[in-house]
Amino acid sequence: MNINISIKELIAKFKWRNIRRLFASILAKSIRWFPLILLIVLCSYGGYLWYNYVYQAHWSEARKQSYISDKDKGTIFDRAKFNAVVSEMERRKNDYGNNPDNLSDIFKLKETVVKQ
């Protein structure tokens, strides 16, 4: 069995209009799946990044020791600032409980008299 196929004959048989129609029909059929495929690809990439940053973090020994020493320092409690904040809260609480009659009337409501 001898098959003789000439490339020139094949090219002559192809019509570019048919190729464009074929491409357009494939694109039209697959366009509804594009958002789903894009979502799957993006979620997969995000999962890959998350996995690498969380479970496969590689730190040098110097970086690990620096992190440990920073964590050991902790936070220094400043009792003077704490007491200042507590006293300010108490002052505001007492001011809130005071009678508002002795406060100045910024809108001048008591001075305005409506004449009838």
C-alpha atoms as a PDB file:
ATOM      1  CA  MET A   1       0.000   0.000   0.000  1.00  0.00           C
ATOM      2  CA  ASN A   2       1.586   3.201  -1.157  1.00  0.00           C
ATOM      3  CA  ILE A   3       0.185   6.508  -0.043  1.00  0.00           C
ATOM      4  CA  ASN A   4       1.385   9.525  -1.906  1.00  0.00           C
ATOM      5  CA  ILE A   5       0.465  12.763  -0.227  1.00  0.00           C
ATOM      6  CA  SER A   6       1.645  15.961  -1.685  1.00  0.00           C
ATOM      7  CA  ILE A   7       2.039  18.904   0.680  1.00  0.00           C
ATOM      8  CA  LYS A   8       1.184  21.310  -2.106  1.00  0.00           C
ATOM      9  CA  GLU A   9      -2.132  19.542  -2.666  1.00  0.00           C
ATOM     10  CA  LEU A  10      -2.917  19.643   1.062  1.00  0.00           C
ATOM     11  CA  ILE A  11      -2.207  23.352   1.268  1.00  0.00           C
ATOM     12  CA  ALA A  12      -4.333  23.952  -1.798  1.00  0.00           C
ATOM     13  CA  LYS A  13      -7.245  22.053  -0.224  1.00  0.00           C
ATOM     14  CA  PHE A  14      -7.110  24.075   2.996  1.00  0.00           C
ATOM     15  CA  LYS A  15      -9.207  27.146   2.997  1.00  0.00           C
ATOM     16  CA  TRP A  16      -8.325  29.750   5.566  1.00  0.00           C
ATOM     17  CA  ARG A  17     -11.959  30.662   5.979  1.00  0.00           C
ATOM     18  CA  ASN A  18     -12.709  27.123   7.194  1.00  0.00           C
ATOM     19  CA  ILE A  19      -9.828  27.241   9.645  1.00  0.00           C
ATOM     20  CA  ARG A  20     -11.100  30.526  11.074  1.00  0.00           C
ATOM     21  CA  ARG A  21     -14.614  29.065  11.408  1.00  0.00           C
ATOM     22  CA  LEU A  22     -13.248  25.973  13.123  1.00  0.00           C
ATOM     23  CA  PHE A  23     -11.232  28.104  15.562  1.00  0.00           C
ATOM     24  CA  ALA A  24     -14.234  30.353  16.259  1.00  0.00           C
ATOM     25  CA  SER A  25     -16.533  27.388  16.917  1.00  0.00           C
ATOM     26  CA  ILE A  26     -14.038  25.783  19.286  1.00  0.00           C
ATOM     27  CA  LEU A  27     -13.621  29.082  21.101  1.00  0.00           C
ATOM     28  CA  ALA A  28     -17.392  29.625  21.339  1.00  0.00           C
ATOM     29  CA  LYS A  29     -17.924  26.156  22.800  1.00  0.00           C
ATOM     30  CA  SER A  30     -15.114  26.429  25.310  1.00  0.00           C
ATOM     31  CA  ILE A  31     -15.662  30.024  26.449  1.00  0.00           C
ATOM     32  CA  ARG A  32     -18.190  28.984  29.096  1.00  0.00           C
ATOM     33  CA  TRP A  33     -15.598  26.719  30.717  1.00  0.00           C
ATOM     34  CA  PHE A  34     -12.913  29.402  30.796  1.00  0.00           C
ATOM     35  CA  PRO A  35     -13.944  31.061  34.133  1.00  0.00           C
ATOM     36  CA  LEU A  36     -14.150  27.679  35.845  1.00  0.00           C
ATOM     37  CA  ILE A  37     -10.742  26.619  34.541  1.00  0.00           C
ATOM     38  CA  LEU A  38      -9.270  29.987  35.523  1.00  0.00           C
ATOM     39  CA  LEU A  39     -10.723  29.657  39.041  1.00  0.00           C
ATOM     40  CA  ILE A  40      -9.306  26.153  39.431  1.00  0.00           C
ATOM     41  CA  VAL A  41      -5.873  27.271  38.238  1.00  0.00           C
ATOM     42  CA  LEU A  42      -5.805  30.300  40.564  1.00  0.00           C
ATOM     43  CA  CYS A  43      -6.969  28.283  43.571  1.00  0.00           C
ATOM     44  CA  SER A  44      -4.362  25.631  42.841  1.00  0.00           C
ATOM     45  CA  TYR A  45      -1.630  28.248  42.606  1.00  0.00           C
ATOM     46  CA  GLY A  46      -2.786  29.869  45.851  1.00  0.00           C
ATOM     47  CA  GLY A  47      -2.785  26.484  47.586  1.00  0.00           C
ATOM     48  CA  TYR A  48       0.701  25.801  46.305  1.00  0.00           C
ATOM     49  CA  LEU A  49       1.987  29.155  47.611  1.00  0.00           C
ATOM     50  CA  TRP A  50       0.259  28.659  50.948  1.00  0.00           C
ATOM     51  CA  TYR A  51       1.726  25.171  51.342  1.00  0.00           C
ATOM     52  CA  ASN A  52       5.239  26.360  50.521  1.00  0.00           C
ATOM     53  CA  TYR A  53       5.149  29.358  52.859  1.00  0.00           C
ATOM     54  CA  VAL A  54       3.570  27.516  55.777  1.00  0.00           C
ATOM     55  CA  TYR A  55       4.883  23.967  55.642  1.00  0.00           C
ATOM     56  CA  GLN A  56       8.137  24.229  53.730  1.00  0.00           C
ATOM     57  CA  ALA A  57       9.632  27.402  55.151  1.00  0.00           C
ATOM     58  CA  HIS A  58      13.408  27.184  55.052  1.00  0.00           C
ATOM     59  CA  TRP A  59      15.286  29.467  57.425  1.00  0.00           C
ATOM     60  CA  SER A  60      19.000  29.563  57.944  1.00  0.00           C
ATOM     61  CA  GLU A  61      20.351  28.800  61.407  1.00  0.00           C
ATOM     62  CA  ALA A  62      21.245  32.473  61.908  1.00  0.00           C
ATOM     63  CA  ARG A  63      17.666  33.502  61.072  1.00  0.00           C
ATOM     64  CA  LYS A  64      16.261  30.910  63.476  1.00  0.00           C
ATOM     65  CA  GLN A  65      18.515  32.101  66.316  1.00  0.00           C
ATOM     66  CA  SER A  66      17.592  35.729  65.593  1.00  0.00           C
ATOM     67  CA  TYR A  67      13.894  34.850  65.764  1.00  0.00           C
ATOM     68  CA  ILE A  68      14.314  32.924  69.021  1.00  0.00           C
ATOM     69  CA  SER A  69      16.264  35.744  70.665  1.00  0.00           C
ATOM     70  CA  ASP A  70      13.667  38.312  69.563  1.00  0.00           C
ATOM     71  CA  LYS A  71      10.859  36.185  70.982  1.00  0.00           C
ATOM     72  CA  ASP A  72      12.705  35.732  74.282  1.00  0.00           C
ATOM     73  CA  LYS A  73      12.975  39.484  74.796  1.00  0.00           C
ATOM     74  CA  GLY A  74       9.218  39.769  75.009  1.00  0.00           C
ATOM     75  CA  THR A  75       7.363  42.922  75.996  1.00  0.00           C
ATOM     76  CA  ILE A  76       8.434  45.066  78.925  1.00  0.00           C
ATOM     77  CA  PHE A  77       5.499  46.104  81.099  1.00  0.00           C
ATOM     78  CA  ASP A  78       5.613  49.809  81.918  1.00  0.00           C
ATOM     79  CA  ARG A  79       3.672  50.153  85.149  1.00  0.00           C
ATOM     80  CA  ALA A  80       3.833  53.961  85.154  1.00  0.00           C
ATOM     81  CA  LYS A  81       2.150  54.246  81.742  1.00  0.00           C
ATOM     82  CA  PHE A  82      -0.399  51.636  82.767  1.00  0.00           C
ATOM     83  CA  ASN A  83      -1.281  53.569  85.917  1.00  0.00           C
ATOM     84  CA  ALA A  84      -1.539  56.813  83.907  1.00  0.00           C
ATOM     85  CA  VAL A  85      -4.005  55.194  81.500  1.00  0.00           C
ATOM     86  CA  VAL A  86      -6.062  53.740  84.361  1.00  0.00           C
ATOM     87  CA  SER A  87      -6.223  57.120  86.134  1.00  0.00           C
ATOM     88  CA  GLU A  88      -7.278  58.818  82.864  1.00  0.00           C
ATOM     89  CA  MET A  89     -10.058  56.242  82.454  1.00  0.00           C
ATOM     90  CA  GLU A  90     -11.230  56.866  86.005  1.00  0.00           C
ATOM     91  CA  ARG A  91     -11.227  60.651  85.413  1.00  0.00           C
ATOM     92  CA  ARG A  92     -13.302  60.255  82.253  1.00  0.00           C
ATOM     93  CA  LYS A  93     -15.679  57.917  84.054  1.00  0.00           C
ATOM     94  CA  ASN A  94     -16.170  60.490  86.824  1.00  0.00           C
ATOM     95  CA  ASP A  95     -16.615  63.302  84.270  1.00  0.00           C
ATOM     96  CA  TYR A  96     -19.285  61.244  82.519  1.00  0.00           C
ATOM     97  CA  GLY A  97     -21.184  60.854  85.770  1.00  0.00           C
ATOM     98  CA  ASN A  98     -21.186  64.609  86.552  1.00  0.00           C
ATOM     99  CA  ASN A  99     -24.268  66.740  86.021  1.00  0.00           C
ATOM    100  CA  PRO A 100     -24.170  68.328  82.549  1.00  0.00           C
ATOM    101  CA  ASP A 101     -25.865  71.564  83.740  1.00  0.00           C
ATOM    102  CA  ASN A 102     -22.574  73.255  84.520  1.00  0.00           C
ATOM    103  CA  LEU A 103     -21.234  72.668  81.007  1.00  0.00           C
ATOM    104  CA  SER A 104     -21.175  75.562  78.583  1.00  0.00           C
ATOM    105  CA  ASP A 105     -23.969  75.636  76.007  1.00  0.00           C
ATOM    106  CA  ILE A 106     -22.084  75.634  72.704  1.00  0.00           C
ATOM    107  CA  PHE A 107     -25.258  75.960  70.629  1.00  0.00           C
ATOM    108  CA  LYS A 108     -26.696  78.804  72.758  1.00  0.00           C
ATOM    109  CA  LEU A 109     -30.020  77.005  73.057  1.00  0.00           C
ATOM    110  CA  LYS A 110     -30.987  78.520  76.431  1.00  0.00           C
ATOM    111  CA  GLU A 111     -30.345  82.073  75.244  1.00  0.00           C
ATOM    112  CA  THR A 112     -32.520  81.733  72.171  1.00  0.00           C
ATOM    113  CA  VAL A 113     -36.086  82.642  72.931  1.00  0.00           C
ATOM    114  CA  VAL A 114     -38.780  81.998  70.407  1.00  0.00           C
ATOM    115  CA  LYS A 115     -41.206  84.944  70.274  1.00  0.00           C
ATOM    116  CA  GLN A 116     -44.802  84.095  69.629  1.00  0.00           C
END
